[in-house]
Amino acid sequence: MPAAKEDSLAKLGAWAFIIGIVIAVIAGIPGLNLPIAIVALILAILGIVVGLLNVTEKEATGFLVAAVALVLVATGLKPFGEIPTLGAVVLNIVNNIGVFMAPAALVVAIKAIWDMASTR
């Protein structure tokens, strides 16, 4: 692939990551009344883009470990959501980041399995 095309894909992947995190944070703020299904769909699409463009074969293991850690953190923070205002905001943001990263992790996991299967 030409270097210019790789560069533009890398930039697209980086922007998808930044936009996904920003949307996850903004959507976690209570009172905005954003449509949950639309936000989740946008985060999932951006997550797929991130998984396809941002994570190399060499980075796959670290990325997947971080994704699993994120899921565990989100699960462990559930009681934190009972803290008035701040707890709910933090929990919403972490859950939104999970919605964003889960499709990315799925794509990276499938790519990793494919790479392992095709090298034998």
C-alpha atoms as a PDB file:
ATOM      1  CA  MET A   1       0.000   0.000   0.000  1.00  0.00           C
ATOM      2  CA  PRO A   2       1.402   3.435  -0.864  1.00  0.00           C
ATOM      3  CA  ALA A   3       2.748   5.456   2.064  1.00  0.00           C
ATOM      4  CA  ALA A   4       0.319   8.333   1.454  1.00  0.00           C
ATOM      5  CA  LYS A   5      -2.669   5.996   1.671  1.00  0.00           C
ATOM      6  CA  GLU A   6      -1.308   4.379   4.852  1.00  0.00           C
ATOM      7  CA  ASP A   7      -0.796   7.850   6.316  1.00  0.00           C
ATOM      8  CA  SER A   8      -4.359   8.931   5.567  1.00  0.00           C
ATOM      9  CA  LEU A   9      -5.769   5.672   7.003  1.00  0.00           C
ATOM     10  CA  ALA A  10      -3.674   6.145  10.143  1.00  0.00           C
ATOM     11  CA  LYS A  11      -5.022   9.688  10.494  1.00  0.00           C
ATOM     12  CA  LEU A  12      -8.579   8.437   9.984  1.00  0.00           C
ATOM     13  CA  GLY A  13      -8.048   5.818  12.683  1.00  0.00           C
ATOM     14  CA  ALA A  14      -6.582   8.382  15.075  1.00  0.00           C
ATOM     15  CA  TRP A  15      -9.491  10.757  14.481  1.00  0.00           C
ATOM     16  CA  ALA A  16     -11.983   7.906  14.958  1.00  0.00           C
ATOM     17  CA  PHE A  17     -10.403   7.189  18.342  1.00  0.00           C
ATOM     18  CA  ILE A  18     -10.455  10.830  19.460  1.00  0.00           C
ATOM     19  CA  ILE A  19     -14.027  11.362  18.274  1.00  0.00           C
ATOM     20  CA  GLY A  20     -15.163   8.128  19.946  1.00  0.00           C
ATOM     21  CA  ILE A  21     -13.700   9.136  23.303  1.00  0.00           C
ATOM     22  CA  VAL A  22     -15.198  12.645  23.045  1.00  0.00           C
ATOM     23  CA  ILE A  23     -18.649  11.251  22.200  1.00  0.00           C
ATOM     24  CA  ALA A  24     -18.382   8.717  25.042  1.00  0.00           C
ATOM     25  CA  VAL A  25     -17.594  11.502  27.515  1.00  0.00           C
ATOM     26  CA  ILE A  26     -20.252  13.921  26.241  1.00  0.00           C
ATOM     27  CA  ALA A  27     -22.911  11.198  26.124  1.00  0.00           C
ATOM     28  CA  GLY A  28     -22.088  10.348  29.751  1.00  0.00           C
ATOM     29  CA  ILE A  29     -23.230  13.746  30.966  1.00  0.00           C
ATOM     30  CA  PRO A  30     -26.717  13.471  32.418  1.00  0.00           C
ATOM     31  CA  GLY A  31     -29.466  15.749  31.229  1.00  0.00           C
ATOM     32  CA  LEU A  32     -28.428  15.880  27.581  1.00  0.00           C
ATOM     33  CA  ASN A  33     -31.133  13.372  26.634  1.00  0.00           C
ATOM     34  CA  LEU A  34     -29.157  11.971  23.714  1.00  0.00           C
ATOM     35  CA  PRO A  35     -30.764   8.989  21.961  1.00  0.00           C
ATOM     36  CA  ILE A  36     -28.956   6.008  23.501  1.00  0.00           C
ATOM     37  CA  ALA A  37     -29.369   3.722  20.495  1.00  0.00           C
ATOM     38  CA  ILE A  38     -27.918   6.295  18.084  1.00  0.00           C
ATOM     39  CA  VAL A  39     -24.996   7.080  20.398  1.00  0.00           C
ATOM     40  CA  ALA A  40     -24.284   3.348  20.814  1.00  0.00           C
ATOM     41  CA  LEU A  41     -24.399   2.807  17.046  1.00  0.00           C
ATOM     42  CA  ILE A  42     -22.007   5.696  16.402  1.00  0.00           C
ATOM     43  CA  LEU A  43     -19.627   4.468  19.110  1.00  0.00           C
ATOM     44  CA  ALA A  44     -19.750   0.928  17.725  1.00  0.00           C
ATOM     45  CA  ILE A  45     -18.986   2.079  14.175  1.00  0.00           C
ATOM     46  CA  LEU A  46     -16.103   4.222  15.394  1.00  0.00           C
ATOM     47  CA  GLY A  47     -14.862   1.259  17.447  1.00  0.00           C
ATOM     48  CA  ILE A  48     -14.813  -0.950  14.363  1.00  0.00           C
ATOM     49  CA  VAL A  49     -12.834   1.705  12.491  1.00  0.00           C
ATOM     50  CA  VAL A  50     -10.358   1.927  15.374  1.00  0.00           C
ATOM     51  CA  GLY A  51      -9.994  -1.861  15.494  1.00  0.00           C
ATOM     52  CA  LEU A  52      -9.371  -2.063  11.766  1.00  0.00           C
ATOM     53  CA  LEU A  53      -7.023   0.903  11.379  1.00  0.00           C
ATOM     54  CA  ASN A  54      -5.261   1.589  14.667  1.00  0.00           C
ATOM     55  CA  VAL A  55      -4.135  -1.715  16.127  1.00  0.00           C
ATOM     56  CA  THR A  56      -1.283  -3.572  14.485  1.00  0.00           C
ATOM     57  CA  GLU A  57      -0.579  -7.270  14.897  1.00  0.00           C
ATOM     58  CA  LYS A  58       2.251  -6.383  17.262  1.00  0.00           C
ATOM     59  CA  GLU A  59      -0.074  -4.288  19.460  1.00  0.00           C
ATOM     60  CA  ALA A  60      -2.975  -6.763  19.522  1.00  0.00           C
ATOM     61  CA  THR A  61      -2.139  -8.495  22.792  1.00  0.00           C
ATOM     62  CA  GLY A  62      -1.704  -5.263  24.737  1.00  0.00           C
ATOM     63  CA  PHE A  63      -4.852  -3.813  23.234  1.00  0.00           C
ATOM     64  CA  LEU A  64      -6.911  -6.877  24.120  1.00  0.00           C
ATOM     65  CA  VAL A  65      -5.564  -6.914  27.688  1.00  0.00           C
ATOM     66  CA  ALA A  66      -6.495  -3.238  28.036  1.00  0.00           C
ATOM     67  CA  ALA A  67      -9.982  -3.926  26.638  1.00  0.00           C
ATOM     68  CA  VAL A  68     -10.540  -6.747  29.154  1.00  0.00           C
ATOM     69  CA  ALA A  69      -9.289  -4.475  31.954  1.00  0.00           C
ATOM     70  CA  LEU A  70     -11.759  -1.808  30.845  1.00  0.00           C
ATOM     71  CA  VAL A  71     -14.652  -4.271  31.013  1.00  0.00           C
ATOM     72  CA  LEU A  72     -13.573  -5.335  34.504  1.00  0.00           C
ATOM     73  CA  VAL A  73     -13.292  -1.710  35.622  1.00  0.00           C
ATOM     74  CA  ALA A  74     -16.771  -0.943  34.289  1.00  0.00           C
ATOM     75  CA  THR A  75     -18.150  -3.958  36.151  1.00  0.00           C
ATOM     76  CA  GLY A  76     -16.374  -2.985  39.360  1.00  0.00           C
ATOM     77  CA  LEU A  77     -17.639   0.589  39.142  1.00  0.00           C
ATOM     78  CA  LYS A  78     -21.325  -0.388  39.191  1.00  0.00           C
ATOM     79  CA  PRO A  79     -21.700   0.414  42.933  1.00  0.00           C
ATOM     80  CA  PHE A  80     -19.916   3.726  42.302  1.00  0.00           C
ATOM     81  CA  GLY A  81     -22.954   4.738  40.261  1.00  0.00           C
ATOM     82  CA  GLU A  82     -24.926   5.047  43.514  1.00  0.00           C
ATOM     83  CA  ILE A  83     -22.925   8.125  44.489  1.00  0.00           C
ATOM     84  CA  PRO A  84     -25.126  11.107  43.637  1.00  0.00           C
ATOM     85  CA  THR A  85     -24.312  12.919  40.385  1.00  0.00           C
ATOM     86  CA  LEU A  86     -20.568  12.257  40.075  1.00  0.00           C
ATOM     87  CA  GLY A  87     -20.882   8.486  40.391  1.00  0.00           C
ATOM     88  CA  ALA A  88     -23.508   8.252  37.669  1.00  0.00           C
ATOM     89  CA  VAL A  89     -21.481  10.470  35.335  1.00  0.00           C
ATOM     90  CA  VAL A  90     -18.286   8.439  35.788  1.00  0.00           C
ATOM     91  CA  LEU A  91     -20.173   5.180  35.371  1.00  0.00           C
ATOM     92  CA  ASN A  92     -21.928   6.436  32.211  1.00  0.00           C
ATOM     93  CA  ILE A  93     -18.642   7.587  30.691  1.00  0.00           C
ATOM     94  CA  VAL A  94     -16.880   4.295  31.449  1.00  0.00           C
ATOM     95  CA  ASN A  95     -19.825   2.325  30.057  1.00  0.00           C
ATOM     96  CA  ASN A  96     -19.816   4.459  26.888  1.00  0.00           C
ATOM     97  CA  ILE A  97     -16.088   3.893  26.471  1.00  0.00           C
ATOM     98  CA  GLY A  98     -16.812   0.171  26.833  1.00  0.00           C
ATOM     99  CA  VAL A  99     -19.435   0.402  24.076  1.00  0.00           C
ATOM    100  CA  PHE A 100     -16.817   2.148  21.942  1.00  0.00           C
ATOM    101  CA  MET A 101     -13.970  -0.280  22.671  1.00  0.00           C
ATOM    102  CA  ALA A 102     -15.895  -3.580  22.563  1.00  0.00           C
ATOM    103  CA  PRO A 103     -16.290  -3.615  18.747  1.00  0.00           C
ATOM    104  CA  ALA A 104     -12.638  -2.580  18.401  1.00  0.00           C
ATOM    105  CA  ALA A 105     -11.627  -5.473  20.648  1.00  0.00           C
ATOM    106  CA  LEU A 106     -13.811  -7.852  18.632  1.00  0.00           C
ATOM    107  CA  VAL A 107     -12.148  -6.793  15.384  1.00  0.00           C
ATOM    108  CA  VAL A 108      -8.650  -7.047  16.888  1.00  0.00           C
ATOM    109  CA  ALA A 109      -9.420 -10.458  18.403  1.00  0.00           C
ATOM    110  CA  ILE A 110     -10.699 -11.782  15.072  1.00  0.00           C
ATOM    111  CA  LYS A 111      -7.632 -10.366  13.281  1.00  0.00           C
ATOM    112  CA  ALA A 112      -5.342 -11.985  15.889  1.00  0.00           C
ATOM    113  CA  ILE A 113      -7.056 -15.360  15.548  1.00  0.00           C
ATOM    114  CA  TRP A 114      -6.898 -15.089  11.769  1.00  0.00           C
ATOM    115  CA  ASP A 115      -3.182 -14.238  11.880  1.00  0.00           C
ATOM    116  CA  MET A 116      -2.441 -17.163  14.218  1.00  0.00           C
ATOM    117  CA  ALA A 117      -4.458 -19.589  12.123  1.00  0.00           C
ATOM    118  CA  SER A 118      -2.961 -18.479   8.829  1.00  0.00           C
ATOM    119  CA  THR A 119       0.676 -18.758   9.958  1.00  0.00           C
ATOM    120  CA  ARG A 120       0.491 -22.470  10.770  1.00  0.00           C
END
